[in-house]
Amino acid sequence: MTRILLVEDNEMNRDMLSRRLSRRGFDVLIAENGKAGVELAASEKPDLILMDMSLPIMDGWEATRRIKANPVTQGIPVIALTAHAMASDRDMALEAGCDDYDSKPVDLPQLVRKIEQLLAT
């Protein structure tokens, strides 16, 4: 079963997205801030990470940089999920090391296509 680490601080977004992904057959791990996301990525080595960018303790940009700098986790694809929908926000996410970008509110079929594309590479 594909394991996805969802790093999301908003309880409603976290609950809604994790339930929808679980119904699609994914095993969803949860981290509520960037620091916990970095630690969980290293200990659990999920197949893919969905990273909110505006997080407490450590934001998603820094968490992604640390995940991509760690030889243990650098190969894990990261999709940025953010309400920041400007082209510059996408560029910033990719510069931080994210492999793809999606804006909120989440379009689940579109997000699942991105997940499947990254897992196939």
PDB file of N, CA and C in Angstrom:
ATOM      1  N   MET A   1       0.845  -1.180   0.000  1.00  0.00           N
ATOM      2  CA  MET A   1       0.000   0.000   0.000  1.00  0.00           C
ATOM      3  C   MET A   1       0.891   1.244   0.000  1.00  0.00           C
ATOM      4  N   THR A   2       0.574   2.184  -0.830  1.00  0.00           N
ATOM      5  CA  THR A   2       1.327   3.433  -0.919  1.00  0.00           C
ATOM      6  C   THR A   2       1.128   4.269   0.338  1.00  0.00           C
ATOM      7  N   ARG A   3       2.255   4.700   0.912  1.00  0.00           N
ATOM      8  CA  ARG A   3       2.193   5.506   2.137  1.00  0.00           C
ATOM      9  C   ARG A   3       2.457   6.965   1.805  1.00  0.00           C
ATOM     10  N   ILE A   4       1.522   7.814   2.220  1.00  0.00           N
ATOM     11  CA  ILE A   4       1.646   9.252   1.991  1.00  0.00           C
ATOM     12  C   ILE A   4       1.726   9.949   3.334  1.00  0.00           C
ATOM     13  N   LEU A   5       2.727  10.825   3.464  1.00  0.00           N
ATOM     14  CA  LEU A   5       2.840  11.668   4.649  1.00  0.00           C
ATOM     15  C   LEU A   5       2.170  12.999   4.336  1.00  0.00           C
ATOM     16  N   LEU A   6       1.134  13.321   5.071  1.00  0.00           N
ATOM     17  CA  LEU A   6       0.421  14.589   4.925  1.00  0.00           C
ATOM     18  C   LEU A   6       0.890  15.515   6.042  1.00  0.00           C
ATOM     19  N   VAL A   7       1.557  16.610   5.662  1.00  0.00           N
ATOM     20  CA  VAL A   7       2.031  17.597   6.641  1.00  0.00           C
ATOM     21  C   VAL A   7       1.091  18.788   6.540  1.00  0.00           C
ATOM     22  N   GLU A   8       0.212  18.918   7.501  1.00  0.00           N
ATOM     23  CA  GLU A   8      -0.866  19.920   7.443  1.00  0.00           C
ATOM     24  C   GLU A   8      -1.225  20.331   8.876  1.00  0.00           C
ATOM     25  N   ASP A   9      -1.256  21.619   9.123  1.00  0.00           N
ATOM     26  CA  ASP A   9      -1.576  22.084  10.482  1.00  0.00           C
ATOM     27  C   ASP A   9      -3.064  22.320  10.699  1.00  0.00           C
ATOM     28  N   ASN A  10      -3.803  22.562   9.638  1.00  0.00           N
ATOM     29  CA  ASN A  10      -5.234  22.841   9.785  1.00  0.00           C
ATOM     30  C   ASN A  10      -5.997  21.534   9.970  1.00  0.00           C
ATOM     31  N   GLU A  11      -6.635  21.394  11.135  1.00  0.00           N
ATOM     32  CA  GLU A  11      -7.305  20.140  11.476  1.00  0.00           C
ATOM     33  C   GLU A  11      -8.380  19.753  10.467  1.00  0.00           C
ATOM     34  N   MET A  12      -9.166  20.724  10.011  1.00  0.00           N
ATOM     35  CA  MET A  12     -10.240  20.406   9.065  1.00  0.00           C
ATOM     36  C   MET A  12      -9.659  19.928   7.733  1.00  0.00           C
ATOM     37  N   ASN A  13      -8.639  20.621   7.227  1.00  0.00           N
ATOM     38  CA  ASN A  13      -8.002  20.197   5.971  1.00  0.00           C
ATOM     39  C   ASN A  13      -7.352  18.827   6.123  1.00  0.00           C
ATOM     40  N   ARG A  14      -6.684  18.644   7.254  1.00  0.00           N
ATOM     41  CA  ARG A  14      -5.992  17.372   7.529  1.00  0.00           C
ATOM     42  C   ARG A  14      -6.980  16.208   7.567  1.00  0.00           C
ATOM     43  N   ASP A  15      -8.069  16.400   8.288  1.00  0.00           N
ATOM     44  CA  ASP A  15      -9.074  15.341   8.433  1.00  0.00           C
ATOM     45  C   ASP A  15      -9.742  15.034   7.087  1.00  0.00           C
ATOM     46  N   MET A  16     -10.154  16.088   6.374  1.00  0.00           N
ATOM     47  CA  MET A  16     -10.845  15.895   5.097  1.00  0.00           C
ATOM     48  C   MET A  16      -9.944  15.208   4.075  1.00  0.00           C
ATOM     49  N   LEU A  17      -8.726  15.692   3.920  1.00  0.00           N
ATOM     50  CA  LEU A  17      -7.841  15.137   2.901  1.00  0.00           C
ATOM     51  C   LEU A  17      -7.375  13.728   3.267  1.00  0.00           C
ATOM     52  N   SER A  18      -7.076  13.487   4.532  1.00  0.00           N
ATOM     53  CA  SER A  18      -6.616  12.144   4.912  1.00  0.00           C
ATOM     54  C   SER A  18      -7.730  11.114   4.715  1.00  0.00           C
ATOM     55  N   ARG A  19      -8.970  11.480   5.039  1.00  0.00           N
ATOM     56  CA  ARG A  19     -10.070  10.526   4.824  1.00  0.00           C
ATOM     57  C   ARG A  19     -10.280  10.253   3.339  1.00  0.00           C
ATOM     58  N   ARG A  20     -10.218  11.297   2.520  1.00  0.00           N
ATOM     59  CA  ARG A  20     -10.426  11.119   1.071  1.00  0.00           C
ATOM     60  C   ARG A  20      -9.301  10.286   0.451  1.00  0.00           C
ATOM     61  N   LEU A  21      -8.071  10.501   0.887  1.00  0.00           N
ATOM     62  CA  LEU A  21      -6.955   9.707   0.356  1.00  0.00           C
ATOM     63  C   LEU A  21      -7.023   8.266   0.843  1.00  0.00           C
ATOM     64  N   SER A  22      -7.433   8.068   2.087  1.00  0.00           N
ATOM     65  CA  SER A  22      -7.576   6.704   2.620  1.00  0.00           C
ATOM     66  C   SER A  22      -8.639   5.931   1.839  1.00  0.00           C
ATOM     67  N   ARG A  23      -9.729   6.607   1.496  1.00  0.00           N
ATOM     68  CA  ARG A  23     -10.776   5.945   0.700  1.00  0.00           C
ATOM     69  C   ARG A  23     -10.270   5.552  -0.679  1.00  0.00           C
ATOM     70  N   ARG A  24      -9.255   6.248  -1.176  1.00  0.00           N
ATOM     71  CA  ARG A  24      -8.659   5.925  -2.481  1.00  0.00           C
ATOM     72  C   ARG A  24      -7.596   4.835  -2.357  1.00  0.00           C
ATOM     73  N   GLY A  25      -7.388   4.317  -1.136  1.00  0.00           N
ATOM     74  CA  GLY A  25      -6.466   3.202  -0.954  1.00  0.00           C
ATOM     75  C   GLY A  25      -5.075   3.567  -0.478  1.00  0.00           C
ATOM     76  N   PHE A  26      -4.852   4.840  -0.133  1.00  0.00           N
ATOM     77  CA  PHE A  26      -3.539   5.252   0.367  1.00  0.00           C
ATOM     78  C   PHE A  26      -3.499   5.094   1.885  1.00  0.00           C
ATOM     79  N   ASP A  27      -2.322   4.750   2.401  1.00  0.00           N
ATOM     80  CA  ASP A  27      -2.072   4.734   3.839  1.00  0.00           C
ATOM     81  C   ASP A  27      -1.521   6.115   4.178  1.00  0.00           C
ATOM     82  N   VAL A  28      -2.234   6.876   5.002  1.00  0.00           N
ATOM     83  CA  VAL A  28      -1.884   8.279   5.247  1.00  0.00           C
ATOM     84  C   VAL A  28      -1.298   8.441   6.650  1.00  0.00           C
ATOM     85  N   LEU A  29      -0.080   8.987   6.697  1.00  0.00           N
ATOM     86  CA  LEU A  29       0.573   9.376   7.944  1.00  0.00           C
ATOM     87  C   LEU A  29       0.351  10.872   8.105  1.00  0.00           C
ATOM     88  N   ILE A  30       0.310  11.346   9.337  1.00  0.00           N
ATOM     89  CA  ILE A  30      -0.005  12.754   9.592  1.00  0.00           C
ATOM     90  C   ILE A  30       1.102  13.406  10.416  1.00  0.00           C
ATOM     91  N   ALA A  31       1.479  14.611  10.022  1.00  0.00           N
ATOM     92  CA  ALA A  31       2.330  15.482  10.836  1.00  0.00           C
ATOM     93  C   ALA A  31       1.658  16.850  10.863  1.00  0.00           C
ATOM     94  N   GLU A  32       1.670  17.492  12.027  1.00  0.00           N
ATOM     95  CA  GLU A  32       0.948  18.752  12.193  1.00  0.00           C
ATOM     96  C   GLU A  32       1.820  19.991  12.053  1.00  0.00           C
ATOM     97  N   ASN A  33       3.129  19.817  11.855  1.00  0.00           N
ATOM     98  CA  ASN A  33       4.014  20.960  11.621  1.00  0.00           C
ATOM     99  C   ASN A  33       5.231  20.484  10.825  1.00  0.00           C
ATOM    100  N   GLY A  34       6.016  21.434  10.344  1.00  0.00           N
ATOM    101  CA  GLY A  34       7.148  21.085   9.500  1.00  0.00           C
ATOM    102  C   GLY A  34       8.212  20.260  10.205  1.00  0.00           C
ATOM    103  N   LYS A  35       8.487  20.577  11.452  1.00  0.00           N
ATOM    104  CA  LYS A  35       9.511  19.825  12.203  1.00  0.00           C
ATOM    105  C   LYS A  35       9.093  18.368  12.350  1.00  0.00           C
ATOM    106  N   ALA A  36       7.839  18.148  12.726  1.00  0.00           N
ATOM    107  CA  ALA A  36       7.336  16.775  12.856  1.00  0.00           C
ATOM    108  C   ALA A  36       7.335  16.077  11.498  1.00  0.00           C
ATOM    109  N   GLY A  37       7.065  16.826  10.427  1.00  0.00           N
ATOM    110  CA  GLY A  37       7.081  16.255   9.085  1.00  0.00           C
ATOM    111  C   GLY A  37       8.467  15.761   8.694  1.00  0.00           C
ATOM    112  N   VAL A  38       9.486  16.556   8.993  1.00  0.00           N
ATOM    113  CA  VAL A  38      10.868  16.166   8.691  1.00  0.00           C
ATOM    114  C   VAL A  38      11.232  14.906   9.471  1.00  0.00           C
ATOM    115  N   GLU A  39      10.870  14.876  10.750  1.00  0.00           N
ATOM    116  CA  GLU A  39      11.199  13.724  11.595  1.00  0.00           C
ATOM    117  C   GLU A  39      10.450  12.466  11.142  1.00  0.00           C
ATOM    118  N   LEU A  40       9.180  12.612  10.812  1.00  0.00           N
ATOM    119  CA  LEU A  40       8.385  11.459  10.375  1.00  0.00           C
ATOM    120  C   LEU A  40       8.852  10.947   9.005  1.00  0.00           C
ATOM    121  N   ALA A  41       9.250  11.866   8.140  1.00  0.00           N
ATOM    122  CA  ALA A  41       9.777  11.451   6.829  1.00  0.00           C
ATOM    123  C   ALA A  41      11.011  10.577   7.012  1.00  0.00           C
ATOM    124  N   ALA A  42      11.896  10.958   7.931  1.00  0.00           N
ATOM    125  CA  ALA A  42      13.131  10.195   8.150  1.00  0.00           C
ATOM    126  C   ALA A  42      12.861   8.853   8.823  1.00  0.00           C
ATOM    127  N   SER A  43      11.920   8.823   9.737  1.00  0.00           N
ATOM    128  CA  SER A  43      11.687   7.571  10.470  1.00  0.00           C
ATOM    129  C   SER A  43      10.779   6.603   9.711  1.00  0.00           C
ATOM    130  N   GLU A  44       9.828   7.118   8.955  1.00  0.00           N
ATOM    131  CA  GLU A  44       8.844   6.243   8.288  1.00  0.00           C
ATOM    132  C   GLU A  44       9.093   6.060   6.796  1.00  0.00           C
ATOM    133  N   LYS A  45       9.863   6.938   6.198  1.00  0.00           N
ATOM    134  CA  LYS A  45      10.191   6.868   4.766  1.00  0.00           C
ATOM    135  C   LYS A  45       8.947   6.606   3.902  1.00  0.00           C
ATOM    136  N   PRO A  46       8.003   7.552   3.894  1.00  0.00           N
ATOM    137  CA  PRO A  46       6.789   7.377   3.087  1.00  0.00           C
ATOM    138  C   PRO A  46       7.134   7.386   1.594  1.00  0.00           C
ATOM    139  N   ASP A  47       6.194   6.969   0.779  1.00  0.00           N
ATOM    140  CA  ASP A  47       6.408   6.958  -0.668  1.00  0.00           C
ATOM    141  C   ASP A  47       6.308   8.352  -1.267  1.00  0.00           C
ATOM    142  N   LEU A  48       5.560   9.246  -0.598  1.00  0.00           N
ATOM    143  CA  LEU A  48       5.343  10.602  -1.113  1.00  0.00           C
ATOM    144  C   LEU A  48       4.922  11.498   0.054  1.00  0.00           C
ATOM    145  N   ILE A  49       5.219  12.783  -0.067  1.00  0.00           N
ATOM    146  CA  ILE A  49       4.857  13.746   0.974  1.00  0.00           C
ATOM    147  C   ILE A  49       3.991  14.845   0.370  1.00  0.00           C
ATOM    148  N   LEU A  50       2.889  15.169   1.039  1.00  0.00           N
ATOM    149  CA  LEU A  50       2.070  16.327   0.703  1.00  0.00           C
ATOM    150  C   LEU A  50       2.378  17.379   1.758  1.00  0.00           C
ATOM    151  N   MET A  51       2.950  18.504   1.338  1.00  0.00           N
ATOM    152  CA  MET A  51       3.488  19.488   2.272  1.00  0.00           C
ATOM    153  C   MET A  51       2.749  20.812   2.187  1.00  0.00           C
ATOM    154  N   ASP A  52       2.019  21.138   3.256  1.00  0.00           N
ATOM    155  CA  ASP A  52       1.487  22.492   3.377  1.00  0.00           C
ATOM    156  C   ASP A  52       2.692  23.408   3.534  1.00  0.00           C
ATOM    157  N   MET A  53       2.625  24.613   3.024  1.00  0.00           N
ATOM    158  CA  MET A  53       3.789  25.497   3.092  1.00  0.00           C
ATOM    159  C   MET A  53       3.728  26.458   4.277  1.00  0.00           C
ATOM    160  N   SER A  54       2.541  26.806   4.728  1.00  0.00           N
ATOM    161  CA  SER A  54       2.403  27.714   5.873  1.00  0.00           C
ATOM    162  C   SER A  54       2.130  26.883   7.115  1.00  0.00           C
ATOM    163  N   LEU A  55       3.211  26.540   7.805  1.00  0.00           N
ATOM    164  CA  LEU A  55       3.124  25.639   8.957  1.00  0.00           C
ATOM    165  C   LEU A  55       3.751  26.283  10.186  1.00  0.00           C
ATOM    166  N   PRO A  56       3.307  25.897  11.383  1.00  0.00           N
ATOM    167  CA  PRO A  56       3.953  26.387  12.599  1.00  0.00           C
ATOM    168  C   PRO A  56       5.262  25.630  12.856  1.00  0.00           C
ATOM    169  N   ILE A  57       6.071  26.199  13.729  1.00  0.00           N
ATOM    170  CA  ILE A  57       7.348  25.645  14.195  1.00  0.00           C
ATOM    171  C   ILE A  57       8.400  25.668  13.076  1.00  0.00           C
ATOM    172  N   MET A  58       8.096  25.034  11.933  1.00  0.00           N
ATOM    173  CA  MET A  58       8.992  25.072  10.771  1.00  0.00           C
ATOM    174  C   MET A  58       8.097  25.090   9.538  1.00  0.00           C
ATOM    175  N   ASP A  59       8.264  26.110   8.669  1.00  0.00           N
ATOM    176  CA  ASP A  59       7.373  26.197   7.501  1.00  0.00           C
ATOM    177  C   ASP A  59       7.700  25.104   6.474  1.00  0.00           C
ATOM    178  N   GLY A  60       6.816  24.962   5.504  1.00  0.00           N
ATOM    179  CA  GLY A  60       6.960  23.901   4.519  1.00  0.00           C
ATOM    180  C   GLY A  60       8.158  24.065   3.607  1.00  0.00           C
ATOM    181  N   TRP A  61       8.585  25.313   3.357  1.00  0.00           N
ATOM    182  CA  TRP A  61       9.758  25.540   2.523  1.00  0.00           C
ATOM    183  C   TRP A  61      11.001  24.978   3.225  1.00  0.00           C
ATOM    184  N   GLU A  62      11.171  25.326   4.509  1.00  0.00           N
ATOM    185  CA  GLU A  62      12.336  24.846   5.255  1.00  0.00           C
ATOM    186  C   GLU A  62      12.260  23.328   5.462  1.00  0.00           C
ATOM    187  N   ALA A  63      11.079  22.825   5.770  1.00  0.00           N
ATOM    188  CA  ALA A  63      10.930  21.379   5.958  1.00  0.00           C
ATOM    189  C   ALA A  63      11.312  20.637   4.675  1.00  0.00           C
ATOM    190  N   THR A  64      10.882  21.153   3.535  1.00  0.00           N
ATOM    191  CA  THR A  64      11.220  20.510   2.260  1.00  0.00           C
ATOM    192  C   THR A  64      12.722  20.575   2.009  1.00  0.00           C
ATOM    193  N   ARG A  65      13.339  21.738   2.279  1.00  0.00           N
ATOM    194  CA  ARG A  65      14.800  21.844   2.102  1.00  0.00           C
ATOM    195  C   ARG A  65      15.519  20.786   2.943  1.00  0.00           C
ATOM    196  N   ARG A  66      15.077  20.601   4.183  1.00  0.00           N
ATOM    197  CA  ARG A  66      15.737  19.621   5.061  1.00  0.00           C
ATOM    198  C   ARG A  66      15.498  18.187   4.582  1.00  0.00           C
ATOM    199  N   ILE A  67      14.298  17.906   4.107  1.00  0.00           N
ATOM    200  CA  ILE A  67      13.988  16.562   3.590  1.00  0.00           C
ATOM    201  C   ILE A  67      14.861  16.274   2.360  1.00  0.00           C
ATOM    202  N   LYS A  68      14.994  17.257   1.478  1.00  0.00           N
ATOM    203  CA  LYS A  68      15.783  17.060   0.259  1.00  0.00           C
ATOM    204  C   LYS A  68      17.289  17.071   0.527  1.00  0.00           C
ATOM    205  N   ALA A  69      17.728  17.639   1.649  1.00  0.00           N
ATOM    206  CA  ALA A  69      19.148  17.657   1.989  1.00  0.00           C
ATOM    207  C   ALA A  69      19.596  16.379   2.703  1.00  0.00           C
ATOM    208  N   ASN A  70      18.651  15.613   3.197  1.00  0.00           N
ATOM    209  CA  ASN A  70      18.953  14.384   3.935  1.00  0.00           C
ATOM    210  C   ASN A  70      19.033  13.209   2.950  1.00  0.00           C
ATOM    211  N   PRO A  71      20.175  12.513   2.872  1.00  0.00           N
ATOM    212  CA  PRO A  71      20.283  11.385   1.933  1.00  0.00           C
ATOM    213  C   PRO A  71      19.220  10.305   2.158  1.00  0.00           C
ATOM    214  N   VAL A  72      18.726  10.188   3.382  1.00  0.00           N
ATOM    215  CA  VAL A  72      17.709   9.176   3.691  1.00  0.00           C
ATOM    216  C   VAL A  72      16.352   9.531   3.069  1.00  0.00           C
ATOM    217  N   THR A  73      16.056  10.827   2.957  1.00  0.00           N
ATOM    218  CA  THR A  73      14.714  11.252   2.506  1.00  0.00           C
ATOM    219  C   THR A  73      14.722  12.014   1.181  1.00  0.00           C
ATOM    220  N   GLN A  74      15.874  12.328   0.644  1.00  0.00           N
ATOM    221  CA  GLN A  74      15.915  13.195  -0.537  1.00  0.00           C
ATOM    222  C   GLN A  74      15.212  12.624  -1.760  1.00  0.00           C
ATOM    223  N   GLY A  75      15.039  11.329  -1.844  1.00  0.00           N
ATOM    224  CA  GLY A  75      14.377  10.731  -3.000  1.00  0.00           C
ATOM    225  C   GLY A  75      12.862  10.673  -2.888  1.00  0.00           C
ATOM    226  N   ILE A  76      12.320  11.075  -1.758  1.00  0.00           N
ATOM    227  CA  ILE A  76      10.870  11.040  -1.573  1.00  0.00           C
ATOM    228  C   ILE A  76      10.244  12.236  -2.298  1.00  0.00           C
ATOM    229  N   PRO A  77       9.315  11.997  -3.231  1.00  0.00           N
ATOM    230  CA  PRO A  77       8.666  13.125  -3.910  1.00  0.00           C
ATOM    231  C   PRO A  77       7.835  13.958  -2.933  1.00  0.00           C
ATOM    232  N   VAL A  78       7.906  15.276  -3.116  1.00  0.00           N
ATOM    233  CA  VAL A  78       7.151  16.209  -2.274  1.00  0.00           C
ATOM    234  C   VAL A  78       6.257  17.059  -3.175  1.00  0.00           C
ATOM    235  N   ILE A  79       4.977  17.082  -2.844  1.00  0.00           N
ATOM    236  CA  ILE A  79       4.037  17.975  -3.530  1.00  0.00           C
ATOM    237  C   ILE A  79       3.661  19.076  -2.547  1.00  0.00           C
ATOM    238  N   ALA A  80       3.901  20.324  -2.934  1.00  0.00           N
ATOM    239  CA  ALA A  80       3.498  21.466  -2.109  1.00  0.00           C
ATOM    240  C   ALA A  80       1.992  21.648  -2.228  1.00  0.00           C
ATOM    241  N   LEU A  81       1.349  21.845  -1.080  1.00  0.00           N
ATOM    242  CA  LEU A  81      -0.082  22.173  -1.059  1.00  0.00           C
ATOM    243  C   LEU A  81      -0.209  23.510  -0.348  1.00  0.00           C
ATOM    244  N   THR A  82      -0.737  24.492  -1.031  1.00  0.00           N
ATOM    245  CA  THR A  82      -0.798  25.806  -0.413  1.00  0.00           C
ATOM    246  C   THR A  82      -1.953  26.635  -0.952  1.00  0.00           C
ATOM    247  N   ALA A  83      -2.415  27.535  -0.107  1.00  0.00           N
ATOM    248  CA  ALA A  83      -3.446  28.489  -0.532  1.00  0.00           C
ATOM    249  C   ALA A  83      -2.816  29.634  -1.301  1.00  0.00           C
ATOM    250  N   HIS A  84      -1.475  29.724  -1.267  1.00  0.00           N
ATOM    251  CA  HIS A  84      -0.758  30.747  -2.025  1.00  0.00           C
ATOM    252  C   HIS A  84      -0.733  30.301  -3.483  1.00  0.00           C
ATOM    253  N   ALA A  85      -1.515  30.956  -4.323  1.00  0.00           N
ATOM    254  CA  ALA A  85      -1.714  30.459  -5.683  1.00  0.00           C
ATOM    255  C   ALA A  85      -1.084  31.333  -6.761  1.00  0.00           C
ATOM    256  N   MET A  86      -0.146  32.176  -6.394  1.00  0.00           N
ATOM    257  CA  MET A  86       0.537  33.009  -7.386  1.00  0.00           C
ATOM    258  C   MET A  86       1.639  32.182  -8.062  1.00  0.00           C
ATOM    259  N   ALA A  87       1.995  32.570  -9.276  1.00  0.00           N
ATOM    260  CA  ALA A  87       3.066  31.862  -9.985  1.00  0.00           C
ATOM    261  C   ALA A  87       4.362  31.905  -9.182  1.00  0.00           C
ATOM    262  N   SER A  88       4.608  33.004  -8.489  1.00  0.00           N
ATOM    263  CA  SER A  88       5.827  33.103  -7.684  1.00  0.00           C
ATOM    264  C   SER A  88       5.809  32.107  -6.521  1.00  0.00           C
ATOM    265  N   ASP A  89       4.623  31.794  -5.990  1.00  0.00           N
ATOM    266  CA  ASP A  89       4.527  30.803  -4.913  1.00  0.00           C
ATOM    267  C   ASP A  89       4.914  29.424  -5.430  1.00  0.00           C
ATOM    268  N   ARG A  90       4.471  29.104  -6.629  1.00  0.00           N
ATOM    269  CA  ARG A  90       4.848  27.827  -7.239  1.00  0.00           C
ATOM    270  C   ARG A  90       6.361  27.771  -7.432  1.00  0.00           C
ATOM    271  N   ASP A  91       6.927  28.858  -7.936  1.00  0.00           N
ATOM    272  CA  ASP A  91       8.376  28.909  -8.154  1.00  0.00           C
ATOM    273  C   ASP A  91       9.130  28.730  -6.841  1.00  0.00           C
ATOM    274  N   MET A  92       8.647  29.387  -5.777  1.00  0.00           N
ATOM    275  CA  MET A  92       9.314  29.266  -4.476  1.00  0.00           C
ATOM    276  C   MET A  92       9.263  27.826  -3.962  1.00  0.00           C
ATOM    277  N   ALA A  93       8.125  27.160  -4.168  1.00  0.00           N
ATOM    278  CA  ALA A  93       7.992  25.771  -3.720  1.00  0.00           C
ATOM    279  C   ALA A  93       8.952  24.862  -4.493  1.00  0.00           C
ATOM    280  N   LEU A  94       9.040  25.068  -5.787  1.00  0.00           N
ATOM    281  CA  LEU A  94       9.946  24.243  -6.595  1.00  0.00           C
ATOM    282  C   LEU A  94      11.405  24.536  -6.239  1.00  0.00           C
ATOM    283  N   GLU A  95      11.724  25.806  -5.976  1.00  0.00           N
ATOM    284  CA  GLU A  95      13.091  26.159  -5.585  1.00  0.00           C
ATOM    285  C   GLU A  95      13.465  25.529  -4.243  1.00  0.00           C
ATOM    286  N   ALA A  96      12.493  25.348  -3.367  1.00  0.00           N
ATOM    287  CA  ALA A  96      12.750  24.715  -2.064  1.00  0.00           C
ATOM    288  C   ALA A  96      12.987  23.211  -2.206  1.00  0.00           C
ATOM    289  N   GLY A  97      12.648  22.659  -3.369  1.00  0.00           N
ATOM    290  CA  GLY A  97      12.879  21.237  -3.592  1.00  0.00           C
ATOM    291  C   GLY A  97      11.624  20.423  -3.840  1.00  0.00           C
ATOM    292  N   CYS A  98      10.466  21.076  -3.806  1.00  0.00           N
ATOM    293  CA  CYS A  98       9.226  20.333  -4.083  1.00  0.00           C
ATOM    294  C   CYS A  98       9.251  19.829  -5.527  1.00  0.00           C
ATOM    295  N   ASP A  99       8.689  18.661  -5.736  1.00  0.00           N
ATOM    296  CA  ASP A  99       8.650  18.060  -7.066  1.00  0.00           C
ATOM    297  C   ASP A  99       7.451  18.518  -7.867  1.00  0.00           C
ATOM    298  N   ASP A 100       6.414  18.978  -7.172  1.00  0.00           N
ATOM    299  CA  ASP A 100       5.227  19.489  -7.840  1.00  0.00           C
ATOM    300  C   ASP A 100       4.515  20.422  -6.884  1.00  0.00           C
ATOM    301  N   TYR A 101       3.451  21.012  -7.345  1.00  0.00           N
ATOM    302  CA  TYR A 101       2.764  22.063  -6.593  1.00  0.00           C
ATOM    303  C   TYR A 101       1.276  21.941  -6.880  1.00  0.00           C
ATOM    304  N   ASP A 102       0.453  22.138  -5.877  1.00  0.00           N
ATOM    305  CA  ASP A 102      -0.991  22.172  -6.080  1.00  0.00           C
ATOM    306  C   ASP A 102      -1.567  23.195  -5.108  1.00  0.00           C
ATOM    307  N   SER A 103      -2.573  23.916  -5.558  1.00  0.00           N
ATOM    308  CA  SER A 103      -3.150  24.955  -4.709  1.00  0.00           C
ATOM    309  C   SER A 103      -4.409  24.437  -4.021  1.00  0.00           C
ATOM    310  N   LYS A 104      -4.717  25.073  -2.899  1.00  0.00           N
ATOM    311  CA  LYS A 104      -5.937  24.768  -2.146  1.00  0.00           C
ATOM    312  C   LYS A 104      -7.032  25.720  -2.609  1.00  0.00           C
ATOM    313  N   PRO A 105      -8.284  25.361  -2.574  1.00  0.00           N
ATOM    314  CA  PRO A 105      -8.760  24.058  -2.118  1.00  0.00           C
ATOM    315  C   PRO A 105      -8.342  22.950  -3.085  1.00  0.00           C
ATOM    316  N   VAL A 106      -8.126  21.775  -2.519  1.00  0.00           N
ATOM    317  CA  VAL A 106      -7.604  20.651  -3.282  1.00  0.00           C
ATOM    318  C   VAL A 106      -8.657  20.104  -4.239  1.00  0.00           C
ATOM    319  N   ASP A 107      -8.246  19.927  -5.488  1.00  0.00           N
ATOM    320  CA  ASP A 107      -9.042  19.216  -6.490  1.00  0.00           C
ATOM    321  C   ASP A 107      -8.524  17.773  -6.424  1.00  0.00           C
ATOM    322  N   LEU A 108      -9.254  16.889  -5.731  1.00  0.00           N
ATOM    323  CA  LEU A 108      -8.736  15.553  -5.442  1.00  0.00           C
ATOM    324  C   LEU A 108      -8.356  14.749  -6.685  1.00  0.00           C
ATOM    325  N   PRO A 109      -9.203  14.691  -7.727  1.00  0.00           N
ATOM    326  CA  PRO A 109      -8.775  13.932  -8.920  1.00  0.00           C
ATOM    327  C   PRO A 109      -7.467  14.470  -9.513  1.00  0.00           C
ATOM    328  N   GLN A 110      -7.315  15.789  -9.543  1.00  0.00           N
ATOM    329  CA  GLN A 110      -6.076  16.383 -10.061  1.00  0.00           C
ATOM    330  C   GLN A 110      -4.897  16.023  -9.162  1.00  0.00           C
ATOM    331  N   LEU A 111      -5.088  16.099  -7.848  1.00  0.00           N
ATOM    332  CA  LEU A 111      -4.006  15.766  -6.914  1.00  0.00           C
ATOM    333  C   LEU A 111      -3.616  14.291  -7.035  1.00  0.00           C
ATOM    334  N   VAL A 112      -4.589  13.410  -7.147  1.00  0.00           N
ATOM    335  CA  VAL A 112      -4.296  11.977  -7.272  1.00  0.00           C
ATOM    336  C   VAL A 112      -3.520  11.706  -8.569  1.00  0.00           C
ATOM    337  N   ARG A 113      -3.873  12.418  -9.648  1.00  0.00           N
ATOM    338  CA  ARG A 113      -3.099  12.259 -10.899  1.00  0.00           C
ATOM    339  C   ARG A 113      -1.639  12.655 -10.675  1.00  0.00           C
ATOM    340  N   LYS A 114      -1.414  13.759  -9.969  1.00  0.00           N
ATOM    341  CA  LYS A 114      -0.042  14.193  -9.696  1.00  0.00           C
ATOM    342  C   LYS A 114       0.684  13.168  -8.828  1.00  0.00           C
ATOM    343  N   ILE A 115       0.006  12.648  -7.826  1.00  0.00           N
ATOM    344  CA  ILE A 115       0.597  11.619  -6.958  1.00  0.00           C
ATOM    345  C   ILE A 115       1.002  10.411  -7.799  1.00  0.00           C
ATOM    346  N   GLU A 116       0.096   9.934  -8.625  1.00  0.00           N
ATOM    347  CA  GLU A 116       0.375   8.746  -9.448  1.00  0.00           C
ATOM    348  C   GLU A 116       1.513   9.003 -10.432  1.00  0.00           C
ATOM    349  N   GLN A 117       1.558  10.205 -11.014  1.00  0.00           N
ATOM    350  CA  GLN A 117       2.642  10.528 -11.950  1.00  0.00           C
ATOM    351  C   GLN A 117       3.997  10.507 -11.242  1.00  0.00           C
ATOM    352  N   LEU A 118       4.059  11.090 -10.058  1.00  0.00           N
ATOM    353  CA  LEU A 118       5.336  11.120  -9.336  1.00  0.00           C
ATOM    354  C   LEU A 118       5.751   9.737  -8.861  1.00  0.00           C
ATOM    355  N   LEU A 119       4.789   8.912  -8.470  1.00  0.00           N
ATOM    356  CA  LEU A 119       5.120   7.567  -8.007  1.00  0.00           C
ATOM    357  C   LEU A 119       5.545   6.669  -9.165  1.00  0.00           C
ATOM    358  N   ALA A 120       5.123   6.996 -10.383  1.00  0.00           N
ATOM    359  CA  ALA A 120       5.469   6.191 -11.553  1.00  0.00           C
ATOM    360  C   ALA A 120       6.874   6.499 -12.072  1.00  0.00           C
ATOM    361  N   THR A 121       7.451   7.619 -11.636  1.00  0.00           N
ATOM    362  CA  THR A 121       8.784   7.994 -12.161  1.00  0.00           C
ATOM    363  C   THR A 121       9.904   7.409 -11.335  1.00  0.00           C
TER     364      THR A 121
END
